[in-house]
Amino acid sequence: MTILRVGLCPELTAPVVDKLRACGVRTVLEYLSSEREALAERAGLAYGDVIRLRRSLQAIYAPKLCTGVELYERLLESTAIFSTGSANVDNAVGGGVYTGRVTEIVGAGNSGKTQLCHSLAANVAIASHFGALYVDTLSCFSPERLRQIVTSLSVTGSGSDVRTEAVLCKVRHVTACDLLQVVQVVDQLRDSLCSARYKDDSLLKVKMIIIDSLTEAASPVLDGRPVRGRFVSDGPPL
């Protein structure tokens, strides 16, 4: 929600911002949602000034029209698809797990959800210059199993051990004991991506977040019901 402030557009001068705040209009949404004549009267602004400011804000924040071709080109430029390691699962979810989306994996206990998460992490690390952040709420993460998957997927030959180590370094693991810690990890990643202060942070190289399992972390706030599942949150396109 964008706050109205001086400099947001040429019409938003300090006196105008003060008058709008005095009548309870503090955000762009509140301004655009207000009836024009009533707003001019409440804020003590000229009707023409209200119209000009409204047009400027609409030019900045109104949705932009685009064609289907443009949308498809954006999709190709910003989206990556990673295999889960299972052809059947890939086919069921449209070819693999897409970046920019949230994919939830559910199933009965011991049905292979954690195995699928390990396989997905390995595929992301192998197929991308970036890697995966594995948020572990069940203490089920197995570095040895991850190594086995990476080794089986990597090209064999001289130097294969070196390549395996390089791939494993792109999978970052963190333990989260509850929902609050999961949220803190995701917030830290978001801050790393958005702030120049974190330009050297290893989190900048994360392409996908894998939470194993979100429902386990959330179960205490869901009346303790034993809901089981795995949650894959795709990071922003990089």
Protein backbone atom coordinates (compact mmCIF):
# COMPACT_ATOMS: atom_id res chain seq x y z
CA MET A 1 0.00 0.00 0.00
CA THR A 2 1.78 3.15 -1.24
CA ILE A 3 1.79 6.12 1.14
CA LEU A 4 1.12 9.57 -0.29
CA ARG A 5 4.31 11.58 0.11
CA VAL A 6 6.00 14.64 -1.31
CA GLY A 7 7.62 13.93 -4.67
CA LEU A 8 5.57 10.85 -5.51
CA CYS A 9 4.28 12.91 -8.43
CA PRO A 10 4.64 16.63 -9.26
CA GLU A 11 1.19 17.50 -7.89
CA LEU A 12 1.97 16.08 -4.44
CA THR A 13 3.49 19.08 -2.73
CA ALA A 14 3.93 19.37 1.03
CA PRO A 15 0.77 21.49 1.55
CA VAL A 16 -1.31 19.05 -0.51
CA VAL A 17 0.00 16.04 1.42
CA ASP A 18 -0.73 17.78 4.74
CA LYS A 19 -4.30 18.61 3.70
CA LEU A 20 -4.96 15.06 2.54
CA ARG A 21 -3.59 13.57 5.74
CA ALA A 22 -5.68 15.97 7.80
CA CYS A 23 -8.84 14.54 6.22
CA GLY A 24 -7.71 10.94 6.65
CA VAL A 25 -6.40 10.23 3.15
CA ARG A 26 -2.91 8.74 3.52
CA THR A 27 -2.47 6.22 0.71
CA VAL A 28 -2.80 6.12 -3.07
CA LEU A 29 -5.62 3.60 -2.78
CA GLU A 30 -7.56 5.81 -0.36
CA TYR A 31 -7.14 8.78 -2.69
CA LEU A 32 -8.24 6.95 -5.83
CA SER A 33 -11.18 5.39 -3.97
CA SER A 34 -12.51 8.75 -2.77
CA GLU A 35 -15.30 10.61 -4.56
CA ARG A 36 -13.69 13.60 -6.27
CA GLU A 37 -16.08 16.39 -5.31
CA ALA A 38 -16.31 15.22 -1.71
CA LEU A 39 -12.52 14.92 -1.45
CA ALA A 40 -12.00 18.43 -2.79
CA GLU A 41 -14.40 19.78 -0.17
CA ARG A 42 -12.99 17.75 2.74
CA ALA A 43 -9.36 18.55 1.95
CA GLY A 44 -9.91 22.17 0.97
CA LEU A 45 -8.39 21.63 -2.46
CA ALA A 46 -9.46 23.02 -5.81
CA TYR A 47 -11.46 20.52 -7.82
CA GLY A 48 -9.07 20.91 -10.76
CA ASP A 49 -6.10 20.08 -8.52
CA VAL A 50 -7.87 16.94 -7.31
CA ILE A 51 -8.46 15.84 -10.91
CA ARG A 52 -4.85 16.51 -11.99
CA LEU A 53 -3.45 14.61 -9.02
CA ARG A 54 -5.83 11.75 -9.69
CA ARG A 55 -4.70 11.50 -13.31
CA SER A 56 -1.03 11.51 -12.31
CA LEU A 57 -1.53 8.74 -9.76
CA GLN A 58 -3.55 6.68 -12.23
CA ALA A 59 -0.79 7.02 -14.82
CA ILE A 60 1.71 5.63 -12.32
CA TYR A 61 -0.31 2.96 -10.54
CA ALA A 62 -3.14 1.92 -12.85
CA PRO A 63 -2.74 -1.55 -14.42
CA LYS A 64 -1.07 -1.42 -17.82
CA LEU A 65 -2.77 -3.10 -20.78
CA CYS A 66 -0.70 -5.67 -22.64
CA THR A 67 -1.27 -8.32 -25.28
CA GLY A 68 -1.17 -12.06 -24.87
CA VAL A 69 2.07 -12.15 -26.87
CA GLU A 70 3.70 -9.72 -24.44
CA LEU A 71 2.57 -11.78 -21.47
CA TYR A 72 3.95 -14.95 -23.02
CA GLU A 73 7.30 -13.28 -23.74
CA ARG A 74 7.52 -12.14 -20.11
CA LEU A 75 6.78 -15.68 -18.99
CA LEU A 76 9.60 -17.07 -21.12
CA GLU A 77 12.03 -14.43 -19.86
CA SER A 78 11.23 -14.75 -16.15
CA THR A 79 10.19 -18.36 -15.59
CA ALA A 80 12.30 -21.47 -15.10
CA ILE A 81 10.98 -25.02 -14.78
CA PHE A 82 12.75 -27.59 -12.62
CA SER A 83 12.19 -31.33 -12.59
CA THR A 84 11.11 -33.04 -9.39
CA GLY A 85 13.04 -36.12 -10.43
CA SER A 86 9.84 -38.02 -11.16
CA ALA A 87 8.42 -38.00 -14.68
CA ASN A 88 4.94 -38.79 -13.38
CA VAL A 89 4.99 -35.90 -10.89
CA ASP A 90 6.43 -33.54 -13.51
CA ASN A 91 3.61 -34.41 -15.91
CA ALA A 92 1.03 -33.91 -13.17
CA VAL A 93 2.24 -30.36 -12.42
CA GLY A 94 2.66 -29.20 -16.01
CA GLY A 95 6.22 -30.28 -16.78
CA GLY A 96 7.90 -29.54 -13.47
CA VAL A 97 7.97 -26.95 -10.69
CA TYR A 98 7.80 -23.37 -11.99
CA THR A 99 9.54 -20.37 -10.46
CA GLY A 100 7.26 -17.55 -9.39
CA ARG A 101 4.64 -20.00 -8.13
CA VAL A 102 3.77 -21.86 -4.95
CA THR A 103 3.57 -25.64 -5.24
CA GLU A 104 2.33 -27.79 -2.36
CA ILE A 105 3.12 -31.50 -2.22
CA VAL A 106 0.75 -33.56 -0.07
CA GLY A 107 0.46 -37.24 0.69
CA ALA A 108 0.30 -39.90 3.35
CA GLY A 109 3.13 -40.43 5.81
CA ASN A 110 6.23 -42.13 4.36
CA SER A 111 4.95 -41.65 0.82
CA GLY A 112 8.15 -39.99 -0.41
CA LYS A 113 7.49 -36.27 0.08
CA THR A 114 10.87 -35.59 1.70
CA GLN A 115 12.58 -37.66 -0.99
CA LEU A 116 10.87 -35.50 -3.60
CA CYS A 117 12.07 -32.35 -1.84
CA HIS A 118 15.66 -33.66 -1.84
CA SER A 119 15.42 -34.53 -5.53
CA LEU A 120 13.99 -31.11 -6.38
CA ALA A 121 16.77 -29.34 -4.46
CA ALA A 122 19.36 -31.37 -6.37
CA ASN A 123 17.79 -30.60 -9.74
CA VAL A 124 17.63 -26.87 -8.98
CA ALA A 125 21.29 -26.82 -7.98
CA ILE A 126 22.38 -28.78 -11.06
CA ALA A 127 20.25 -26.99 -13.66
CA SER A 128 20.67 -23.43 -12.37
CA HIS A 129 23.51 -21.03 -11.68
CA PHE A 130 21.70 -20.45 -8.41
CA GLY A 131 20.56 -22.94 -5.79
CA ALA A 132 17.87 -23.89 -3.32
CA LEU A 133 17.16 -22.94 0.29
CA TYR A 134 15.95 -26.01 2.20
CA VAL A 135 13.95 -25.02 5.29
CA ASP A 136 13.78 -28.13 7.49
CA THR A 137 11.06 -28.26 10.17
CA LEU A 138 11.17 -32.03 10.68
CA SER A 139 14.94 -32.61 10.98
CA CYS A 140 14.59 -35.00 8.05
CA PHE A 141 17.19 -33.40 5.78
CA SER A 142 19.86 -35.92 4.77
CA PRO A 143 23.06 -34.52 3.24
CA GLU A 144 24.14 -38.05 2.36
CA ARG A 145 20.92 -38.70 0.46
CA LEU A 146 21.30 -35.38 -1.32
CA ARG A 147 24.84 -36.32 -2.32
CA GLN A 148 23.60 -39.64 -3.70
CA ILE A 149 20.95 -37.91 -5.80
CA VAL A 150 23.40 -35.31 -7.10
CA THR A 151 25.95 -37.99 -7.95
CA SER A 152 23.38 -40.02 -9.85
CA LEU A 153 22.27 -36.96 -11.82
CA SER A 154 25.71 -35.47 -12.50
CA VAL A 155 27.84 -36.32 -15.48
CA THR A 156 30.28 -39.07 -14.59
CA GLY A 157 33.96 -38.99 -15.42
CA SER A 158 37.12 -37.30 -14.22
CA GLY A 159 36.45 -34.49 -11.80
CA SER A 160 32.94 -35.70 -11.01
CA ASP A 161 33.63 -35.41 -7.27
CA VAL A 162 34.56 -31.77 -7.75
CA ARG A 163 31.34 -31.12 -9.67
CA THR A 164 29.32 -32.89 -6.99
CA GLU A 165 30.85 -30.70 -4.29
CA ALA A 166 30.12 -27.57 -6.31
CA VAL A 167 26.49 -28.58 -6.72
CA LEU A 168 26.08 -29.43 -3.03
CA CYS A 169 27.42 -26.00 -2.10
CA LYS A 170 24.43 -24.46 -3.87
CA VAL A 171 21.93 -26.14 -1.54
CA ARG A 172 21.58 -24.14 1.66
CA HIS A 173 19.96 -25.73 4.69
CA VAL A 174 18.36 -24.10 7.73
CA THR A 175 16.37 -25.63 10.58
CA ALA A 176 13.12 -23.93 11.65
CA CYS A 177 11.30 -25.26 14.70
CA ASP A 178 8.03 -23.39 14.29
CA LEU A 179 6.02 -21.19 11.96
CA LEU A 180 7.57 -17.99 13.32
CA GLN A 181 11.06 -19.17 12.44
CA VAL A 182 9.90 -20.17 8.95
CA VAL A 183 8.51 -16.66 8.41
CA GLN A 184 11.74 -15.13 9.72
CA VAL A 185 13.80 -17.15 7.23
CA VAL A 186 11.58 -16.10 4.32
CA ASP A 187 11.69 -12.46 5.47
CA GLN A 188 15.48 -12.60 5.66
CA LEU A 189 15.63 -13.91 2.11
CA ARG A 190 13.26 -11.19 0.91
CA ASP A 191 15.34 -8.50 2.61
CA SER A 192 18.51 -9.93 1.06
CA LEU A 193 16.99 -9.74 -2.41
CA CYS A 194 15.58 -6.24 -1.95
CA SER A 195 18.44 -4.50 -0.13
CA ALA A 196 21.78 -3.50 -1.59
CA ARG A 197 23.27 -3.99 1.87
CA TYR A 198 23.09 -7.74 1.31
CA LYS A 199 24.73 -7.79 -2.12
CA ASP A 200 27.37 -10.25 -0.89
CA ASP A 201 24.93 -12.41 1.02
CA SER A 202 24.80 -16.05 -0.11
CA LEU A 203 21.01 -15.84 0.03
CA LEU A 204 21.12 -13.76 -3.14
CA LYS A 205 21.91 -16.97 -5.03
CA VAL A 206 18.73 -18.77 -3.99
CA LYS A 207 16.40 -19.69 -6.86
CA MET A 208 13.85 -21.72 -4.88
CA ILE A 209 12.67 -22.15 -1.29
CA ILE A 210 11.75 -25.66 -0.19
CA ILE A 211 9.91 -25.93 3.13
CA ASP A 212 9.79 -29.46 4.53
CA SER A 213 7.20 -29.19 5.96
CA LEU A 214 5.14 -26.02 6.30
CA THR A 215 2.10 -27.82 7.66
CA GLU A 216 4.21 -29.41 10.39
CA ALA A 217 5.40 -25.96 11.48
CA ALA A 218 1.87 -24.57 11.31
CA SER A 219 0.14 -27.47 13.09
CA PRO A 220 0.42 -25.91 16.59
CA VAL A 221 -1.68 -22.95 15.40
CA LEU A 222 -4.10 -25.30 13.61
CA ASP A 223 -5.36 -26.78 16.87
CA GLY A 224 -2.51 -29.28 16.80
CA ARG A 225 -4.07 -31.32 14.03
CA PRO A 226 -1.55 -33.71 12.44
CA VAL A 227 -1.68 -32.27 8.96
CA ARG A 228 1.19 -33.55 6.85
CA GLY A 229 2.59 -32.18 3.64
CA ARG A 230 5.52 -30.51 1.96
CA PHE A 231 5.58 -26.97 0.71
CA VAL A 232 7.67 -25.62 -2.13
CA SER A 233 7.82 -21.85 -2.50
CA ASP A 234 9.53 -20.68 -5.64
CA GLY A 235 11.77 -17.69 -5.29
CA PRO A 236 11.48 -14.63 -7.49
CA PRO A 237 12.86 -14.95 -11.02
CA LEU A 238 16.58 -14.22 -11.00
